[in-house]
C-alpha atoms as a PDB file:
ATOM      1  CA  MET A   1      16.318   0.554 -21.643  1.00  0.00           C
ATOM      2  CA  ARG A   2      13.083   0.590 -19.652  1.00  0.00           C
ATOM      3  CA  ILE A   3      13.001   2.382 -16.308  1.00  0.00           C
ATOM      4  CA  LEU A   4      10.202   2.126 -13.903  1.00  0.00           C
ATOM      5  CA  CYS A   5       9.969   4.827 -11.481  1.00  0.00           C
ATOM      6  CA  CYS A   6       7.978   4.300  -8.392  1.00  0.00           C
ATOM      7  CA  LEU A   7       6.247   7.624  -7.149  1.00  0.00           C
ATOM      8  CA  ASP A   8       4.750   8.012  -3.507  1.00  0.00           C
ATOM      9  CA  GLY A   9       3.970  11.699  -3.456  1.00  0.00           C
ATOM     10  CA  THR A  10       7.044  12.649  -1.426  1.00  0.00           C
ATOM     11  CA  ASN A  11       9.696  11.672  -3.858  1.00  0.00           C
ATOM     12  CA  THR A  12       8.369  13.027  -7.193  1.00  0.00           C
ATOM     13  CA  ARG A  13      11.184  15.534  -7.779  1.00  0.00           C
ATOM     14  CA  GLN A  14      13.779  13.202  -6.566  1.00  0.00           C
ATOM     15  CA  VAL A  15      12.820  10.320  -8.890  1.00  0.00           C
ATOM     16  CA  SER A  16      12.144  12.607 -11.875  1.00  0.00           C
ATOM     17  CA  HIS A  17      15.468  14.035 -11.505  1.00  0.00           C
ATOM     18  CA  ALA A  18      17.244  10.715 -11.431  1.00  0.00           C
ATOM     19  CA  ALA A  19      15.425   9.622 -14.490  1.00  0.00           C
ATOM     20  CA  GLN A  20      16.442  12.747 -16.350  1.00  0.00           C
ATOM     21  CA  MET A  21      20.006  12.167 -15.442  1.00  0.00           C
ATOM     22  CA  LEU A  22      19.807   8.509 -16.702  1.00  0.00           C
ATOM     23  CA  SER A  23      18.218   9.642 -19.959  1.00  0.00           C
ATOM     24  CA  MET A  24      21.159  11.932 -20.817  1.00  0.00           C
ATOM     25  CA  ALA A  25      23.364   8.736 -21.359  1.00  0.00           C
ATOM     26  CA  GLN A  26      21.126   6.891 -23.688  1.00  0.00           C
ATOM     27  CA  PRO A  27      17.588   7.012 -24.893  1.00  0.00           C
ATOM     28  CA  LEU A  28      15.181   5.548 -22.376  1.00  0.00           C
ATOM     29  CA  THR A  29      11.574   4.438 -21.986  1.00  0.00           C
ATOM     30  CA  ILE A  30      10.461   5.894 -18.680  1.00  0.00           C
ATOM     31  CA  GLY A  31       7.432   4.506 -16.757  1.00  0.00           C
ATOM     32  CA  LEU A  32       5.981   6.481 -13.745  1.00  0.00           C
ATOM     33  CA  LEU A  33       4.105   4.163 -11.325  1.00  0.00           C
ATOM     34  CA  THR A  34       2.073   5.147  -8.579  1.00  0.00           C
ATOM     35  CA  VAL A  35       0.009   2.817  -6.400  1.00  0.00           C
ATOM     36  CA  ILE A  36      -3.413   3.608  -4.581  1.00  0.00           C
ATOM     37  CA  ASP A  37      -2.767   1.553  -1.406  1.00  0.00           C
ATOM     38  CA  ALA A  38      -5.742  -0.686  -0.455  1.00  0.00           C
ATOM     39  CA  GLY A  39      -4.254  -1.619   2.827  1.00  0.00           C
ATOM     40  CA  PRO A  40      -5.728   1.035   4.975  1.00  0.00           C
ATOM     41  CA  ARG A  41      -9.273   0.263   4.043  1.00  0.00           C
ATOM     42  CA  ARG A  42      -8.602  -3.528   4.801  1.00  0.00           C
ATOM     43  CA  ASP A  43      -7.349  -2.399   8.248  1.00  0.00           C
ATOM     44  CA  MET A  44     -10.415  -0.563   8.966  1.00  0.00           C
ATOM     45  CA  ASP A  45     -12.647  -3.469   8.233  1.00  0.00           C
ATOM     46  CA  ARG A  46     -10.507  -5.723  10.399  1.00  0.00           C
ATOM     47  CA  THR A  47     -10.802  -3.255  13.204  1.00  0.00           C
ATOM     48  CA  ARG A  48     -14.448  -3.457  12.975  1.00  0.00           C
ATOM     49  CA  GLU A  49     -14.582  -7.149  12.646  1.00  0.00           C
ATOM     50  CA  ARG A  50     -12.527  -7.530  15.777  1.00  0.00           C
ATOM     51  CA  PHE A  51     -15.394  -6.084  17.929  1.00  0.00           C
ATOM     52  CA  TRP A  52     -17.945  -8.517  15.985  1.00  0.00           C
ATOM     53  CA  ARG A  53     -19.209  -5.928  13.636  1.00  0.00           C
ATOM     54  CA  PRO A  54     -19.633  -6.248  10.106  1.00  0.00           C
ATOM     55  CA  PRO A  55     -17.255  -4.478   7.693  1.00  0.00           C
ATOM     56  CA  LEU A  56     -18.240  -0.896   6.917  1.00  0.00           C
ATOM     57  CA  ARG A  57     -19.979  -0.702   3.569  1.00  0.00           C
ATOM     58  CA  HIS A  58     -21.167   2.901   3.175  1.00  0.00           C
ATOM     59  CA  GLY A  59     -21.401   3.108  -0.591  1.00  0.00           C
ATOM     60  CA  ALA A  60     -21.197   6.949  -0.990  1.00  0.00           C
ATOM     61  CA  LEU A  61     -18.442   7.288   1.552  1.00  0.00           C
ATOM     62  CA  THR A  62     -16.386   4.631   0.089  1.00  0.00           C
ATOM     63  CA  ASP A  63     -16.810   5.981  -3.469  1.00  0.00           C
ATOM     64  CA  GLU A  64     -15.833   9.426  -2.156  1.00  0.00           C
ATOM     65  CA  MET A  65     -12.663   7.974  -0.618  1.00  0.00           C
ATOM     66  CA  GLN A  66     -11.758   6.168  -3.776  1.00  0.00           C
ATOM     67  CA  ALA A  67     -12.355   9.417  -5.803  1.00  0.00           C
ATOM     68  CA  ALA A  68     -10.021  11.319  -3.408  1.00  0.00           C
ATOM     69  CA  GLU A  69      -7.278   8.696  -3.655  1.00  0.00           C
ATOM     70  CA  ARG A  70      -7.497   8.465  -7.349  1.00  0.00           C
ATOM     71  CA  ALA A  71      -7.350  12.344  -7.610  1.00  0.00           C
ATOM     72  CA  VAL A  72      -4.324  12.490  -5.446  1.00  0.00           C
ATOM     73  CA  SER A  73      -2.480   9.620  -7.414  1.00  0.00           C
ATOM     74  CA  GLU A  74      -3.416  11.452 -10.713  1.00  0.00           C
ATOM     75  CA  GLU A  75      -1.973  14.606  -9.295  1.00  0.00           C
ATOM     76  CA  ILE A  76       1.271  12.781  -8.465  1.00  0.00           C
ATOM     77  CA  LEU A  77       1.634  11.506 -12.053  1.00  0.00           C
ATOM     78  CA  LYS A  78       0.705  14.943 -13.370  1.00  0.00           C
ATOM     79  CA  THR A  79       3.514  16.618 -11.363  1.00  0.00           C
ATOM     80  CA  ALA A  80       5.997  13.859 -12.509  1.00  0.00           C
ATOM     81  CA  LEU A  81       4.917  14.261 -16.079  1.00  0.00           C
ATOM     82  CA  SER A  82       5.706  18.020 -15.917  1.00  0.00           C
ATOM     83  CA  ASP A  83       9.366  16.996 -15.229  1.00  0.00           C
ATOM     84  CA  VAL A  84       9.540  13.944 -17.662  1.00  0.00           C
ATOM     85  CA  PRO A  85       6.966  14.547 -20.346  1.00  0.00           C
ATOM     86  CA  GLN A  86       7.874  11.657 -22.515  1.00  0.00           C
ATOM     87  CA  ALA A  87       7.139   9.100 -19.859  1.00  0.00           C
ATOM     88  CA  GLU A  88       4.273   6.543 -19.669  1.00  0.00           C
ATOM     89  CA  THR A  89       2.100   6.612 -16.734  1.00  0.00           C
ATOM     90  CA  LEU A  90       0.782   3.573 -14.749  1.00  0.00           C
ATOM     91  CA  LEU A  91      -1.839   3.811 -11.853  1.00  0.00           C
ATOM     92  CA  ARG A  92      -2.381   0.799  -9.886  1.00  0.00           C
ATOM     93  CA  GLN A  93      -4.505  -0.223  -6.825  1.00  0.00           C
ATOM     94  CA  GLY A  94      -3.535  -2.709  -4.250  1.00  0.00           C
ATOM     95  CA  LEU A  95      -0.545  -3.377  -1.821  1.00  0.00           C
ATOM     96  CA  PRO A  96       2.278  -1.261  -3.116  1.00  0.00           C
ATOM     97  CA  GLU A  97       4.910  -3.643  -2.745  1.00  0.00           C
ATOM     98  CA  LEU A  98       3.197  -6.281  -4.738  1.00  0.00           C
ATOM     99  CA  GLU A  99       1.963  -3.873  -7.385  1.00  0.00           C
ATOM    100  CA  ILE A 100       5.416  -2.475  -7.923  1.00  0.00           C
ATOM    101  CA  VAL A 101       6.902  -5.932  -8.454  1.00  0.00           C
ATOM    102  CA  ASN A 102       4.023  -7.110 -10.549  1.00  0.00           C
ATOM    103  CA  ALA A 103       4.126  -3.820 -12.669  1.00  0.00           C
ATOM    104  CA  ALA A 104       7.826  -4.169 -13.289  1.00  0.00           C
ATOM    105  CA  ALA A 105       7.497  -7.727 -14.530  1.00  0.00           C
ATOM    106  CA  GLU A 106       4.375  -6.950 -16.878  1.00  0.00           C
ATOM    107  CA  TRP A 107       5.985  -3.629 -18.091  1.00  0.00           C
ATOM    108  CA  ARG A 108       9.216  -5.495 -18.680  1.00  0.00           C
ATOM    109  CA  ALA A 109      11.223  -2.930 -16.782  1.00  0.00           C
ATOM    110  CA  ASP A 110      15.040  -3.212 -16.948  1.00  0.00           C
ATOM    111  CA  VAL A 111      15.554  -1.210 -13.764  1.00  0.00           C
ATOM    112  CA  ILE A 112      13.251   0.034 -10.982  1.00  0.00           C
ATOM    113  CA  LEU A 113      13.903   3.394  -9.290  1.00  0.00           C
ATOM    114  CA  ILE A 114      12.563   3.548  -5.723  1.00  0.00           C
ATOM    115  CA  CYS A 115      13.280   5.496  -2.658  1.00  0.00           C
ATOM    116  CA  PRO A 116      13.853   3.718   0.644  1.00  0.00           C
ATOM    117  CA  ARG A 117      10.781   5.211   2.472  1.00  0.00           C
ATOM    118  CA  ALA A 118       8.418   8.010   2.284  1.00  0.00           C
ATOM    119  CA  GLU A 119       9.848  11.141   3.932  1.00  0.00           C
ATOM    120  CA  TYR A 120       7.009  13.055   5.667  1.00  0.00           C
ATOM    121  CA  GLY A 121       9.257  15.833   7.024  1.00  0.00           C
ATOM    122  CA  GLU A 122      11.350  13.418   8.886  1.00  0.00           C
ATOM    123  CA  PRO A 123      15.334  13.417   8.435  1.00  0.00           C
ATOM    124  CA  PRO A 124      16.678  10.449   6.495  1.00  0.00           C
ATOM    125  CA  HIS A 125      17.563   7.468   8.709  1.00  0.00           C
ATOM    126  CA  ILE A 126      20.920   5.889   9.063  1.00  0.00           C
ATOM    127  CA  GLY A 127      21.014   2.301  10.257  1.00  0.00           C
ATOM    128  CA  PRO A 128      18.383  -0.692  10.497  1.00  0.00           C
ATOM    129  CA  ARG A 129      15.361   1.410   9.902  1.00  0.00           C
ATOM    130  CA  SER A 130      16.623   3.311   6.804  1.00  0.00           C
ATOM    131  CA  VAL A 131      14.651   1.058   4.421  1.00  0.00           C
ATOM    132  CA  GLY A 132      10.902   0.893   4.637  1.00  0.00           C
ATOM    133  CA  HIS A 133       8.933  -2.374   4.189  1.00  0.00           C
ATOM    134  CA  VAL A 134       7.753  -1.414   0.549  1.00  0.00           C
ATOM    135  CA  ALA A 135      11.289  -0.874  -0.563  1.00  0.00           C
ATOM    136  CA  ARG A 136      12.609  -3.942   1.205  1.00  0.00           C
ATOM    137  CA  PHE A 137      10.021  -6.096  -0.513  1.00  0.00           C
ATOM    138  CA  VAL A 138      10.834  -4.622  -3.852  1.00  0.00           C
ATOM    139  CA  LEU A 139      14.578  -5.070  -3.199  1.00  0.00           C
ATOM    140  CA  ASP A 140      14.011  -8.789  -2.234  1.00  0.00           C
ATOM    141  CA  HIS A 141      11.499  -9.703  -4.899  1.00  0.00           C
ATOM    142  CA  ALA A 142      12.116  -7.426  -7.980  1.00  0.00           C
ATOM    143  CA  PRO A 143      12.420  -9.211 -11.419  1.00  0.00           C
ATOM    144  CA  CYS A 144      15.130  -6.686 -12.343  1.00  0.00           C
ATOM    145  CA  PRO A 145      17.890  -4.689 -10.769  1.00  0.00           C
ATOM    146  CA  VAL A 146      16.749  -1.901  -8.381  1.00  0.00           C
ATOM    147  CA  LEU A 147      18.096   1.396  -8.014  1.00  0.00           C
ATOM    148  CA  LEU A 148      17.584   2.927  -4.390  1.00  0.00           C
ATOM    149  CA  LEU A 149      17.537   6.608  -4.460  1.00  0.00           C
ATOM    150  CA  ARG A 150      18.667   7.882  -1.076  1.00  0.00           C
ATOM    151  CA  PRO A 151      17.924  11.462  -0.004  1.00  0.00           C
ATOM    152  CA  LEU A 152      20.849  13.730   0.800  1.00  0.00           C
ATOM    153  CA  ALA A 153      21.931  13.403   4.442  1.00  0.00           C
ATOM    154  CA  GLY A 154      25.244  15.481   4.468  1.00  0.00           C
ATOM    155  CA  GLU A 155      24.488  16.914   7.785  1.00  0.00           C
ATOM    156  CA  GLN A 156      24.540  13.417   9.441  1.00  0.00           C
ATOM    157  CA  PHE A 157      28.150  12.756   8.189  1.00  0.00           C
ATOM    158  CA  PRO A 158      30.907  12.269   9.391  1.00  0.00           C
ATOM    159  CA  ILE A 159      29.516   9.664  11.963  1.00  0.00           C
ATOM    160  CA  ARG A 160      30.877  10.468  15.370  1.00  0.00           C
ATOM    161  CA  ARG A 161      31.572   7.732  17.977  1.00  0.00           C
END
């Protein structure tokens, strides 16, 4: 079985732990995927174009930003590899939702492990905002089953009326 684990920097331990638990039942091929999001740079260019200015093209600054993004992505993969040393690594650049679905198809994943949204110090959400746009797109368009890894939210239960 081929499991594609989607990492965003906030879920490395959670996804690695789930992959390790699944590998106890049978031998697995595990892929660790992280995506360098190209969306923010496009948004900066659109903001400048809105004021009739050409897109920002500072070669050295752009190269420096890309090098920093790549370093962070490689650090995410390195951290995950310390937990799952036998895994393959995949580093992509583009829109995360599209890259995850395309990587799953190209890598021939049997299951995708993904968290509902990046948790930057926020408590887990219950209700309609519980799944982010990337996870929603992957759930709707994935070429294989998707295992959604929710963070523990025991303090929010039982729900009181």
